[in-house]
Amino acid sequence: MAFREQGAWVTLLAMIAVYGWYFLDLMGAVNSQPVAEIDYQARLYIMVGVLVALIIVGQVGIGIYAASSVEKGLELADDIASEADERDKAISTRGDALGGYVVAIGAVAAMFEVMAGWQGFWVAHTLLVALVLSEMAKSVWMLIAYRRGF
């Protein structure tokens, strides 16, 4: 499995774990109290902290993986150091475009929420969902493209 494909897996799984926890926790709060009373800012800070911790753990994991054997370490170092080839660039470009479409749909939805007079809570979380789905769509596209040999 290529390093960039591994990165897409790690990104996708981390996003599912962190944002899944965040939105499940948030929906529990929405079901139990009025939206105006929800302290979602504190939840956002915790989520960012967990995300940073996952990134650090991921980097340490890559270091441990690379150090587990000299052959794997050299192979991984070569893969990381190598510049993206045409295929990698094309896959990344198409993933970015797909993610852009998802963000655009989310932005339009948020715009309609604002025009309808919805609370800032809902608008902010619509935009957050759009950003999360955008990155997840990009990661899924990259995994499909690498597996199918695009």
Protein backbone atom coordinates (compact mmCIF):
# COMPACT_ATOMS: atom_id res chain seq x y z
CA MET A 1 0.00 0.00 0.00
CA ALA A 2 1.43 3.36 -1.03
CA PHE A 3 2.23 5.96 1.60
CA ARG A 4 -0.35 8.39 0.20
CA GLU A 5 -2.99 5.66 0.29
CA GLN A 6 -2.08 4.91 3.91
CA GLY A 7 -2.42 8.60 4.68
CA ALA A 8 -5.90 8.63 3.13
CA TRP A 9 -6.93 5.66 5.32
CA VAL A 10 -5.57 7.30 8.47
CA THR A 11 -7.28 10.59 7.63
CA LEU A 12 -10.62 8.92 6.92
CA LEU A 13 -10.59 6.77 10.05
CA ALA A 14 -9.50 9.65 12.29
CA MET A 15 -12.24 11.87 10.89
CA ILE A 16 -14.88 9.20 11.38
CA ALA A 17 -13.76 8.66 14.97
CA VAL A 18 -13.38 12.30 16.04
CA TYR A 19 -16.24 13.89 14.16
CA GLY A 20 -18.49 10.90 14.74
CA TRP A 21 -17.94 11.30 18.48
CA TYR A 22 -18.47 15.06 18.26
CA PHE A 23 -21.73 14.93 16.32
CA LEU A 24 -23.16 12.04 18.37
CA ASP A 25 -22.36 13.93 21.58
CA LEU A 26 -23.83 17.13 20.13
CA MET A 27 -27.03 15.43 18.97
CA GLY A 28 -27.46 13.97 22.45
CA ALA A 29 -27.27 17.50 23.83
CA VAL A 30 -29.69 18.82 21.19
CA ASN A 31 -32.22 16.13 22.15
CA SER A 32 -31.97 16.89 25.86
CA GLN A 33 -31.93 20.70 26.07
CA PRO A 34 -32.70 23.83 24.06
CA VAL A 35 -30.08 24.75 21.47
CA ALA A 36 -29.52 28.17 23.06
CA GLU A 37 -28.29 26.47 26.25
CA ILE A 38 -25.81 24.11 24.59
CA ASP A 39 -22.18 24.95 25.29
CA TYR A 40 -20.94 23.78 21.91
CA GLN A 41 -17.82 25.97 22.02
CA ALA A 42 -16.35 23.78 24.79
CA ARG A 43 -17.14 20.68 22.72
CA LEU A 44 -15.37 22.24 19.73
CA TYR A 45 -12.25 22.91 21.80
CA ILE A 46 -12.23 19.32 23.04
CA MET A 47 -12.71 18.04 19.49
CA VAL A 48 -9.78 20.12 18.22
CA GLY A 49 -7.62 18.85 21.08
CA VAL A 50 -8.50 15.23 20.30
CA LEU A 51 -7.80 15.82 16.61
CA VAL A 52 -4.37 17.28 17.38
CA ALA A 53 -3.64 14.33 19.69
CA LEU A 54 -4.62 11.89 16.95
CA ILE A 55 -2.30 13.64 14.50
CA ILE A 56 0.57 13.38 16.97
CA VAL A 57 -0.17 9.71 17.67
CA GLY A 58 -0.35 9.07 13.92
CA GLN A 59 3.03 10.69 13.33
CA VAL A 60 4.57 8.69 16.18
CA GLY A 61 2.98 5.55 14.73
CA ILE A 62 4.51 6.25 11.33
CA GLY A 63 7.89 6.73 13.02
CA ILE A 64 7.57 3.44 14.89
CA TYR A 65 6.45 1.68 11.72
CA ALA A 66 9.42 3.09 9.80
CA ALA A 67 11.85 2.15 12.58
CA SER A 68 10.48 -1.40 12.92
CA SER A 69 12.89 -2.59 10.26
CA VAL A 70 15.62 -0.95 8.28
CA GLU A 71 14.16 -2.21 5.01
CA LYS A 72 10.67 -0.87 5.78
CA GLY A 73 12.16 2.37 7.05
CA LEU A 74 14.19 2.94 3.90
CA GLU A 75 11.23 2.00 1.71
CA LEU A 76 8.93 4.37 3.61
CA ALA A 77 11.53 7.15 3.57
CA ASP A 78 11.88 6.78 -0.21
CA ASP A 79 8.10 6.82 -0.63
CA ILE A 80 7.72 9.95 1.53
CA ALA A 81 10.63 11.77 -0.11
CA SER A 82 9.57 10.95 -3.65
CA GLU A 83 7.71 13.70 -5.38
CA ALA A 84 4.15 12.93 -6.36
CA ASP A 85 4.00 11.51 -9.87
CA GLU A 86 1.41 12.40 -12.51
CA ARG A 87 -1.02 9.77 -11.22
CA ASP A 88 -0.77 11.02 -7.63
CA LYS A 89 -1.32 14.59 -8.78
CA ALA A 90 -4.34 13.62 -10.90
CA ILE A 91 -5.89 11.67 -8.04
CA SER A 92 -5.32 14.56 -5.63
CA THR A 93 -6.71 17.10 -8.08
CA ARG A 94 -9.87 15.09 -8.69
CA GLY A 95 -10.29 14.55 -4.94
CA ASP A 96 -9.92 18.28 -4.31
CA ALA A 97 -12.54 19.00 -6.98
CA LEU A 98 -14.97 16.51 -5.43
CA GLY A 99 -14.38 18.03 -2.00
CA GLY A 100 -14.99 21.48 -3.45
CA TYR A 101 -18.39 20.42 -4.76
CA VAL A 102 -19.35 19.12 -1.32
CA VAL A 103 -18.25 22.36 0.38
CA ALA A 104 -20.18 24.40 -2.18
CA ILE A 105 -23.37 22.46 -1.47
CA GLY A 106 -22.85 22.99 2.26
CA ALA A 107 -22.22 26.70 1.80
CA VAL A 108 -25.41 27.10 -0.22
CA ALA A 109 -27.34 25.20 2.47
CA ALA A 110 -25.88 27.47 5.17
CA MET A 111 -26.79 30.52 3.11
CA PHE A 112 -30.40 29.37 2.93
CA GLU A 113 -30.39 28.72 6.68
CA VAL A 114 -29.24 32.29 7.31
CA MET A 115 -31.91 33.67 4.97
CA ALA A 116 -34.52 31.61 6.79
CA GLY A 117 -33.44 33.09 10.11
CA TRP A 118 -31.98 29.93 11.66
CA GLN A 119 -29.79 30.24 14.75
CA GLY A 120 -26.04 30.53 14.35
CA PHE A 121 -25.65 27.11 15.99
CA TRP A 122 -27.25 25.38 13.02
CA VAL A 123 -25.43 27.47 10.41
CA ALA A 124 -22.05 26.85 12.03
CA HIS A 125 -22.65 23.13 12.22
CA THR A 126 -23.91 22.96 8.65
CA LEU A 127 -20.62 24.49 7.55
CA LEU A 128 -18.67 22.10 9.79
CA VAL A 129 -20.54 19.11 8.34
CA ALA A 130 -19.76 20.37 4.83
CA LEU A 131 -16.06 20.64 5.63
CA VAL A 132 -15.97 17.19 7.23
CA LEU A 133 -17.86 15.55 4.38
CA SER A 134 -15.61 17.32 1.90
CA GLU A 135 -12.46 15.83 3.43
CA MET A 136 -14.08 12.44 3.79
CA ALA A 137 -15.18 12.49 0.14
CA LYS A 138 -11.63 13.35 -0.88
CA SER A 139 -10.17 10.50 1.18
CA VAL A 140 -12.72 8.00 -0.14
CA TRP A 141 -12.03 9.13 -3.72
CA MET A 142 -8.29 8.69 -3.18
CA LEU A 143 -8.77 5.19 -1.77
CA ILE A 144 -10.99 4.18 -4.68
CA ALA A 145 -8.60 5.70 -7.22
CA TYR A 146 -5.53 3.99 -5.76
CA ARG A 147 -7.34 0.63 -5.53
CA ARG A 148 -8.72 0.78 -9.05
CA GLY A 149 -5.48 2.02 -10.53
CA PHE A 150 -6.60 5.40 -11.86
